[in-house]
Amino acid sequence: MTLAGPTIDRFPDAEEVAEEDIVEQIYEAVVEQRLPPGTKLSEAALCKAFGVGRMRVRRSLLLLASREVVELHSNRGAFVARPTPEQAREVFEARLAIEPNVTRLAVERATAADIDALDRHLLSEAQAHTEGNRRDAIRLSGQFHTLLAQIAGNGVMLRMVKELITRTSLIIGIFGAPGVSNCRDDDHADLVAAFRERDGERAARIMDAHLRHIQAHVDLKSAHRSKVDLLSVFAPQARAGTNQG
């Protein structure tokens, strides 16, 4: 199927857009808080945005539902997951149980090249904050935690951390104060300093305090709602911004 207009510029051959590509773009939009919790994911709008047929969109939504990023409701359609306050507390409990240990393991296994990669990531985060680019700041803060899990070299932990980061983004999207992002970049710098010192216990303590700070700035008694236009989220200029950094 060929669509006229800007869709052709993005996808000269619609058949090239696989479910994995659609899943990744929706996943990134959720993590970057461009798709707020509760957003209805209209099949028609997604077909138009990605230039694909309904079956491909439906398969993509099923994959996202299996990751608990999307909720499917009979006769209503698909929606970005909307965690409850109790689920939010469970997510932070899980992060506090897992990530300090992931960080300790990463310090033990980090190579000089890994620490250099963390340094470069810090520079990208600092640039995003200096430029006031909240989207990149949110994306990079989540990627920092993922990078630590990658350095730890445990695939199971990596999958768990990625899932928890996505859920945290949803939680902040619902319960966080306007303008709140996932992380303080100063904490990330302190973590990298602990990596240079090869001090896994200190790194684990910093991570624990870091996660507790994030949790403390989430008000589970409130909820923020906003509406978005799917076509604008996945427009060429929006996607170009996502790929920077």
Protein backbone atom coordinates (compact mmCIF):
# COMPACT_ATOMS: atom_id res chain seq x y z
CA MET A 1 0.00 0.00 0.00
CA THR A 2 1.36 3.41 -0.98
CA LEU A 3 0.27 6.58 0.78
CA ALA A 4 0.64 10.08 -0.60
CA GLY A 5 2.26 12.96 1.25
CA PRO A 6 4.91 12.84 3.97
CA THR A 7 4.47 9.12 4.60
CA ILE A 8 6.25 8.37 1.32
CA ASP A 9 9.25 10.40 2.49
CA ARG A 10 9.52 8.25 5.61
CA PHE A 11 8.72 4.91 4.09
CA PRO A 12 9.40 4.72 0.34
CA ASP A 13 8.50 1.04 0.60
CA ALA A 14 5.86 0.34 3.23
CA GLU A 15 6.77 -3.35 3.20
CA GLU A 16 10.13 -2.43 4.75
CA VAL A 17 8.42 -1.36 7.98
CA ALA A 18 8.43 -4.51 10.10
CA GLU A 19 6.53 -5.03 13.33
CA GLU A 20 9.79 -4.68 15.25
CA ASP A 21 10.34 -1.18 13.82
CA ILE A 22 6.85 -0.06 14.78
CA VAL A 23 7.19 -1.62 18.23
CA GLU A 24 10.52 0.13 18.82
CA GLN A 25 9.22 3.54 17.78
CA ILE A 26 6.13 3.27 19.99
CA TYR A 27 8.30 1.93 22.84
CA GLU A 28 10.68 4.90 22.52
CA ALA A 29 7.78 7.36 22.42
CA VAL A 30 6.47 5.89 25.68
CA VAL A 31 9.88 5.98 27.39
CA GLU A 32 10.40 9.58 26.27
CA GLN A 33 6.92 10.43 27.61
CA ARG A 34 5.71 11.61 24.21
CA LEU A 35 2.88 9.09 24.53
CA PRO A 36 1.23 9.62 27.93
CA PRO A 37 -0.33 6.74 29.83
CA GLY A 38 -3.88 6.07 28.75
CA THR A 39 -3.34 7.35 25.21
CA LYS A 40 -5.60 5.54 22.74
CA LEU A 41 -3.54 3.94 20.00
CA SER A 42 -5.92 4.20 17.07
CA GLU A 43 -5.20 1.55 14.47
CA ALA A 44 -6.26 3.91 11.67
CA ALA A 45 -3.93 6.67 12.89
CA LEU A 46 -1.00 4.27 13.30
CA CYS A 47 -1.60 2.83 9.82
CA LYS A 48 -1.44 6.33 8.40
CA ALA A 49 1.59 7.33 10.47
CA PHE A 50 3.66 4.27 9.53
CA GLY A 51 2.25 3.63 6.06
CA VAL A 52 1.29 0.02 6.75
CA GLY A 53 -1.84 -2.11 6.87
CA ARG A 54 -3.99 -2.92 9.89
CA MET A 55 -2.64 -6.46 10.35
CA ARG A 56 0.90 -5.17 10.80
CA VAL A 57 -0.26 -2.58 13.32
CA ARG A 58 -2.30 -5.19 15.20
CA ARG A 59 0.66 -7.55 15.42
CA SER A 60 2.80 -4.68 16.71
CA LEU A 61 0.24 -3.83 19.39
CA LEU A 62 0.12 -7.48 20.46
CA LEU A 63 3.90 -7.47 20.89
CA LEU A 64 3.70 -4.28 22.96
CA ALA A 65 0.91 -5.80 25.05
CA SER A 66 3.11 -8.82 25.77
CA ARG A 67 5.65 -6.36 27.24
CA GLU A 68 2.87 -4.68 29.25
CA VAL A 69 3.57 -1.37 27.49
CA VAL A 70 0.10 -1.46 25.90
CA GLU A 71 -3.26 -2.61 27.26
CA LEU A 72 -5.80 -4.21 24.90
CA HIS A 73 -9.50 -3.82 25.72
CA SER A 74 -12.26 -5.70 23.92
CA ASN A 75 -14.43 -3.44 21.76
CA ARG A 76 -12.38 -0.40 22.83
CA GLY A 77 -8.96 -0.92 21.28
CA ALA A 78 -5.39 -0.42 22.46
CA PHE A 79 -4.15 2.09 25.01
CA VAL A 80 -0.76 2.99 26.45
CA ALA A 81 -0.59 1.19 29.81
CA ARG A 82 -1.78 3.15 32.80
CA PRO A 83 -0.31 1.72 36.03
CA THR A 84 -2.14 2.11 39.33
CA PRO A 85 -0.53 3.57 42.48
CA GLU A 86 -0.06 0.05 43.83
CA GLN A 87 1.65 -1.06 40.62
CA ALA A 88 3.86 2.04 40.82
CA ARG A 89 5.00 1.10 44.31
CA GLU A 90 5.76 -2.42 43.09
CA VAL A 91 7.89 -1.06 40.24
CA PHE A 92 10.04 0.99 42.61
CA GLU A 93 10.35 -1.95 44.99
CA ALA A 94 11.59 -4.06 42.08
CA ARG A 95 14.06 -1.43 40.92
CA LEU A 96 15.46 -1.05 44.43
CA ALA A 97 15.87 -4.82 44.69
CA ILE A 98 17.49 -5.25 41.27
CA GLU A 99 19.42 -2.19 40.12
CA PRO A 100 21.86 -1.70 43.01
CA ASN A 101 22.96 -5.31 42.47
CA VAL A 102 23.12 -4.78 38.69
CA THR A 103 25.32 -1.74 39.32
CA ARG A 104 27.61 -3.64 41.68
CA LEU A 105 28.02 -6.40 39.09
CA ALA A 106 28.64 -3.86 36.32
CA VAL A 107 31.49 -2.28 38.31
CA GLU A 108 33.09 -5.70 38.72
CA ARG A 109 32.85 -6.49 35.01
CA ALA A 110 33.40 -3.07 33.40
CA THR A 111 36.29 -2.72 31.00
CA ALA A 112 38.14 0.52 30.30
CA ALA A 113 36.11 0.81 27.09
CA ASP A 114 32.88 0.45 29.09
CA ILE A 115 33.87 3.30 31.39
CA ASP A 116 34.77 5.43 28.37
CA ALA A 117 31.29 4.72 26.98
CA LEU A 118 29.74 5.87 30.26
CA ASP A 119 31.81 9.07 30.10
CA ARG A 120 30.56 9.78 26.58
CA HIS A 121 27.02 9.13 27.71
CA LEU A 122 27.40 11.65 30.53
CA LEU A 123 28.52 14.26 28.01
CA SER A 124 25.41 13.60 25.91
CA GLU A 125 23.20 13.92 28.99
CA ALA A 126 24.91 17.18 30.00
CA GLN A 127 24.41 18.58 26.49
CA ALA A 128 20.70 17.70 26.55
CA HIS A 129 20.26 19.46 29.89
CA THR A 130 22.26 22.51 28.77
CA GLU A 131 20.15 22.82 25.62
CA GLY A 132 16.93 22.32 27.57
CA ASN A 133 16.08 19.29 25.43
CA ARG A 134 13.77 17.41 27.81
CA ARG A 135 12.98 14.66 25.33
CA ASP A 136 16.63 13.74 24.86
CA ALA A 137 17.30 14.12 28.60
CA ILE A 138 14.56 11.61 29.42
CA ARG A 139 15.69 9.19 26.71
CA LEU A 140 19.35 9.39 27.73
CA SER A 141 18.63 8.98 31.44
CA GLY A 142 16.82 5.73 30.73
CA GLN A 143 19.59 4.59 28.39
CA PHE A 144 22.14 5.16 31.16
CA HIS A 145 20.44 2.56 33.35
CA THR A 146 20.18 0.20 30.39
CA LEU A 147 23.88 0.69 29.68
CA LEU A 148 24.76 -0.33 33.23
CA ALA A 149 22.74 -3.53 32.79
CA GLN A 150 24.49 -4.21 29.48
CA ILE A 151 27.87 -3.80 31.16
CA ALA A 152 26.78 -6.22 33.89
CA GLY A 153 26.54 -8.81 31.12
CA ASN A 154 23.36 -10.52 32.30
CA GLY A 155 20.65 -10.78 29.66
CA VAL A 156 17.89 -11.57 32.15
CA MET A 157 18.72 -8.51 34.23
CA LEU A 158 18.92 -6.38 31.10
CA ARG A 159 15.40 -7.34 30.03
CA MET A 160 14.08 -6.66 33.53
CA VAL A 161 15.76 -3.25 33.74
CA LYS A 162 14.43 -2.21 30.34
CA GLU A 163 10.90 -3.20 31.35
CA LEU A 164 11.19 -1.35 34.68
CA ILE A 165 12.50 1.78 32.97
CA THR A 166 9.50 1.79 30.63
CA ARG A 167 7.10 1.34 33.53
CA THR A 168 8.82 4.12 35.48
CA SER A 169 8.36 6.45 32.54
CA LEU A 170 4.66 5.62 32.54
CA ILE A 171 4.49 6.22 36.29
CA ILE A 172 6.18 9.61 36.01
CA GLY A 173 3.88 10.45 33.12
CA ILE A 174 0.89 9.87 35.40
CA PHE A 175 2.05 10.85 38.86
CA GLY A 176 5.10 13.06 38.33
CA ALA A 177 4.92 16.83 38.58
CA PRO A 178 5.04 18.67 35.23
CA GLY A 179 8.62 18.97 34.03
CA VAL A 180 9.90 16.09 36.16
CA SER A 181 12.23 13.70 34.32
CA ASN A 182 13.45 10.27 35.33
CA CYS A 183 16.87 11.06 36.78
CA ARG A 184 19.29 13.56 38.22
CA ASP A 185 22.35 13.71 35.98
CA ASP A 186 24.60 14.51 38.99
CA ASP A 187 23.83 11.06 40.38
CA HIS A 188 24.90 9.51 37.10
CA ALA A 189 28.22 11.38 37.30
CA ASP A 190 28.74 10.09 40.85
CA LEU A 191 28.04 6.56 39.65
CA VAL A 192 30.62 6.81 36.88
CA ALA A 193 33.15 8.13 39.43
CA ALA A 194 32.54 4.98 41.49
CA PHE A 195 33.17 2.92 38.35
CA ARG A 196 36.54 4.62 37.88
CA GLU A 197 37.39 3.84 41.50
CA ARG A 198 36.23 0.22 41.03
CA ASP A 199 34.09 0.64 44.13
CA GLY A 200 31.06 -1.57 43.55
CA GLU A 201 29.63 -1.09 47.05
CA ARG A 202 29.71 2.70 46.74
CA ALA A 203 28.11 2.49 43.30
CA ALA A 204 25.33 0.28 44.69
CA ARG A 205 24.65 2.79 47.50
CA ILE A 206 24.52 5.67 45.03
CA MET A 207 22.06 3.76 42.85
CA ASP A 208 19.86 2.99 45.85
CA ALA A 209 19.76 6.67 46.86
CA HIS A 210 19.21 7.68 43.25
CA LEU A 211 16.15 5.46 42.85
CA ARG A 212 14.73 6.60 46.18
CA HIS A 213 15.07 10.21 45.01
CA ILE A 214 13.08 9.43 41.87
CA GLN A 215 10.39 7.70 43.92
CA ALA A 216 10.21 10.61 46.39
CA HIS A 217 9.31 12.99 43.55
CA VAL A 218 6.33 10.92 42.42
CA ASP A 219 2.99 11.78 44.01
CA LEU A 220 0.86 8.65 43.88
CA LYS A 221 -2.19 10.60 45.05
CA SER A 222 -2.34 12.72 41.92
CA ALA A 223 -2.66 11.96 38.24
CA HIS A 224 -1.87 14.12 35.22
CA ARG A 225 -3.73 13.61 31.97
CA SER A 226 -2.93 14.91 28.54
CA LYS A 227 -3.95 14.13 24.98
CA VAL A 228 -1.68 13.73 21.98
CA ASP A 229 -2.07 13.41 18.25
CA LEU A 230 -0.47 10.17 17.05
CA LEU A 231 0.35 11.58 13.63
CA SER A 232 2.31 14.44 15.20
CA VAL A 233 4.18 12.06 17.53
CA PHE A 234 5.37 9.90 14.65
CA ALA A 235 5.81 12.69 12.11
CA PRO A 236 9.19 12.83 10.31
CA GLN A 237 10.47 15.75 12.39
CA ALA A 238 9.49 14.03 15.65
CA ARG A 239 11.25 10.83 14.64
CA ALA A 240 14.35 12.78 13.57
CA GLY A 241 14.54 14.29 17.03
CA THR A 242 14.29 10.83 18.59
CA ASN A 243 17.23 9.53 16.59
CA GLN A 244 19.58 12.28 17.69
CA GLY A 245 22.04 11.83 20.54
